[in-house]
Amino acid sequence: MGMGKKICRLDELHAGQWGRIVEMHVAEDIGQRLKDMGFVQGGRIERVYGSPFGDPAAYFVKQTLIALRNGDAGKISVETEGGAEENGTE
């Protein structure tokens, strides 16, 4: 089974799944705020949970819990380890 790395959008991560930030295509003002909070290339980010309606979702970055709208999270690319489906969904 695949143990390679995979690039996806941040909003595609499932609760408990983590990755490393590859690039961000957000507006400059929000991008600077996110960088100040630890959203930097190579930084580790984990999706902790989503709201009951799915938007926003909470992410753990640099020991801080941050809520992001899916619209912004969808503009952030992350690299994840392969095999994220090993949660046993068959």
C-alpha atoms as a PDB file:
ATOM      1  CA  MET A   1       0.000   0.000   0.000  1.00  0.00           C
ATOM      2  CA  GLY A   2       1.107   3.572  -0.673  1.00  0.00           C
ATOM      3  CA  MET A   3       3.362   5.161   1.888  1.00  0.00           C
ATOM      4  CA  GLY A   4       4.219   8.071  -0.399  1.00  0.00           C
ATOM      5  CA  LYS A   5       3.424  11.686   0.185  1.00  0.00           C
ATOM      6  CA  LYS A   6       0.301  13.338  -1.210  1.00  0.00           C
ATOM      7  CA  ILE A   7      -0.531  17.001  -1.811  1.00  0.00           C
ATOM      8  CA  CYS A   8      -4.073  18.121  -0.987  1.00  0.00           C
ATOM      9  CA  ARG A   9      -5.965  21.200   0.144  1.00  0.00           C
ATOM     10  CA  LEU A  10      -6.102  21.908   3.866  1.00  0.00           C
ATOM     11  CA  ASP A  11      -9.913  21.715   3.851  1.00  0.00           C
ATOM     12  CA  GLU A  12      -9.663  18.111   2.592  1.00  0.00           C
ATOM     13  CA  LEU A  13      -7.974  16.847   5.766  1.00  0.00           C
ATOM     14  CA  HIS A  14     -10.074  14.733   8.107  1.00  0.00           C
ATOM     15  CA  ALA A  15     -10.176  15.240  11.874  1.00  0.00           C
ATOM     16  CA  GLY A  16      -6.923  13.943  13.369  1.00  0.00           C
ATOM     17  CA  GLN A  17      -5.074  14.050  10.037  1.00  0.00           C
ATOM     18  CA  TRP A  18      -2.043  16.295   9.704  1.00  0.00           C
ATOM     19  CA  GLY A  19       0.309  17.561   7.049  1.00  0.00           C
ATOM     20  CA  ARG A  20       2.995  20.118   6.315  1.00  0.00           C
ATOM     21  CA  ILE A  21       2.175  23.390   4.585  1.00  0.00           C
ATOM     22  CA  VAL A  22       3.440  23.517   1.005  1.00  0.00           C
ATOM     23  CA  GLU A  23       2.016  26.840  -0.222  1.00  0.00           C
ATOM     24  CA  MET A  24      -0.721  29.377   0.420  1.00  0.00           C
ATOM     25  CA  HIS A  25      -2.760  31.321  -2.140  1.00  0.00           C
ATOM     26  CA  VAL A  26      -4.774  33.486   0.247  1.00  0.00           C
ATOM     27  CA  ALA A  27      -5.220  37.257   0.106  1.00  0.00           C
ATOM     28  CA  GLU A  28      -2.142  39.150   1.267  1.00  0.00           C
ATOM     29  CA  ASP A  29      -3.717  40.598   4.421  1.00  0.00           C
ATOM     30  CA  ILE A  30      -5.031  37.278   5.704  1.00  0.00           C
ATOM     31  CA  GLY A  31      -1.848  35.538   4.512  1.00  0.00           C
ATOM     32  CA  GLN A  32       0.288  37.787   6.687  1.00  0.00           C
ATOM     33  CA  ARG A  33      -1.945  37.149   9.703  1.00  0.00           C
ATOM     34  CA  LEU A  34      -1.741  33.403   9.113  1.00  0.00           C
ATOM     35  CA  LYS A  35       2.067  33.551   8.793  1.00  0.00           C
ATOM     36  CA  ASP A  36       2.225  35.443  12.084  1.00  0.00           C
ATOM     37  CA  MET A  37       0.268  32.589  13.688  1.00  0.00           C
ATOM     38  CA  GLY A  38       2.627  29.910  12.357  1.00  0.00           C
ATOM     39  CA  PHE A  39       1.243  29.083   8.909  1.00  0.00           C
ATOM     40  CA  VAL A  40       4.661  28.852   7.243  1.00  0.00           C
ATOM     41  CA  GLN A  41       6.029  26.608   4.533  1.00  0.00           C
ATOM     42  CA  GLY A  42       7.005  23.276   6.061  1.00  0.00           C
ATOM     43  CA  GLY A  43       5.001  23.990   9.223  1.00  0.00           C
ATOM     44  CA  ARG A  44       3.000  21.125  10.711  1.00  0.00           C
ATOM     45  CA  ILE A  45      -0.779  21.562  10.790  1.00  0.00           C
ATOM     46  CA  GLU A  46      -3.458  19.211  12.066  1.00  0.00           C
ATOM     47  CA  ARG A  47      -7.207  19.333  11.551  1.00  0.00           C
ATOM     48  CA  VAL A  48      -8.714  18.926  14.985  1.00  0.00           C
ATOM     49  CA  TYR A  49     -12.435  19.095  14.179  1.00  0.00           C
ATOM     50  CA  GLY A  50     -15.056  20.791  12.090  1.00  0.00           C
ATOM     51  CA  SER A  51     -18.120  22.680  13.216  1.00  0.00           C
ATOM     52  CA  PRO A  52     -21.448  20.806  13.157  1.00  0.00           C
ATOM     53  CA  PHE A  53     -22.223  22.321   9.747  1.00  0.00           C
ATOM     54  CA  GLY A  54     -18.682  21.733   8.443  1.00  0.00           C
ATOM     55  CA  ASP A  55     -17.522  25.357   8.258  1.00  0.00           C
ATOM     56  CA  PRO A  56     -15.324  26.613   9.833  1.00  0.00           C
ATOM     57  CA  ALA A  57     -12.907  23.912  10.975  1.00  0.00           C
ATOM     58  CA  ALA A  58     -10.324  24.044  13.763  1.00  0.00           C
ATOM     59  CA  TYR A  59      -6.635  23.454  13.089  1.00  0.00           C
ATOM     60  CA  PHE A  60      -3.734  23.041  15.493  1.00  0.00           C
ATOM     61  CA  VAL A  61      -0.655  25.047  14.450  1.00  0.00           C
ATOM     62  CA  LYS A  62       2.355  25.906  16.646  1.00  0.00           C
ATOM     63  CA  GLN A  63       0.530  24.880  19.847  1.00  0.00           C
ATOM     64  CA  THR A  64      -2.415  27.141  18.943  1.00  0.00           C
ATOM     65  CA  LEU A  65      -5.954  26.166  17.964  1.00  0.00           C
ATOM     66  CA  ILE A  66      -7.146  28.287  15.029  1.00  0.00           C
ATOM     67  CA  ALA A  67     -10.530  28.275  13.265  1.00  0.00           C
ATOM     68  CA  LEU A  68     -10.445  28.767   9.492  1.00  0.00           C
ATOM     69  CA  ARG A  69     -13.246  29.020   6.971  1.00  0.00           C
ATOM     70  CA  ASN A  70     -13.191  26.345   4.281  1.00  0.00           C
ATOM     71  CA  GLY A  71     -12.847  29.082   1.655  1.00  0.00           C
ATOM     72  CA  ASP A  72      -9.472  30.075   3.121  1.00  0.00           C
ATOM     73  CA  ALA A  73      -8.388  26.543   4.038  1.00  0.00           C
ATOM     74  CA  GLY A  74      -9.048  25.500   0.433  1.00  0.00           C
ATOM     75  CA  LYS A  75      -6.334  27.920  -0.723  1.00  0.00           C
ATOM     76  CA  ILE A  76      -3.646  26.273   1.419  1.00  0.00           C
ATOM     77  CA  SER A  77      -1.834  23.213   0.056  1.00  0.00           C
ATOM     78  CA  VAL A  78      -0.488  20.611   2.460  1.00  0.00           C
ATOM     79  CA  GLU A  79       1.615  17.491   2.030  1.00  0.00           C
ATOM     80  CA  THR A  80       0.350  14.463   3.918  1.00  0.00           C
ATOM     81  CA  GLU A  81       1.762  10.996   4.441  1.00  0.00           C
ATOM     82  CA  GLY A  82       0.114   8.310   2.328  1.00  0.00           C
ATOM     83  CA  GLY A  83      -2.149   5.793   4.004  1.00  0.00           C
ATOM     84  CA  ALA A  84      -4.510   8.282   5.658  1.00  0.00           C
ATOM     85  CA  GLU A  85      -7.295   5.802   4.874  1.00  0.00           C
ATOM     86  CA  GLU A  86      -5.937   3.343   7.425  1.00  0.00           C
ATOM     87  CA  ASN A  87      -8.758   4.390   9.766  1.00  0.00           C
ATOM     88  CA  GLY A  88     -10.519   1.249   8.544  1.00  0.00           C
ATOM     89  CA  THR A  89     -13.265   2.418   6.222  1.00  0.00           C
ATOM     90  CA  GLU A  90     -14.346  -0.726   4.398  1.00  0.00           C
END
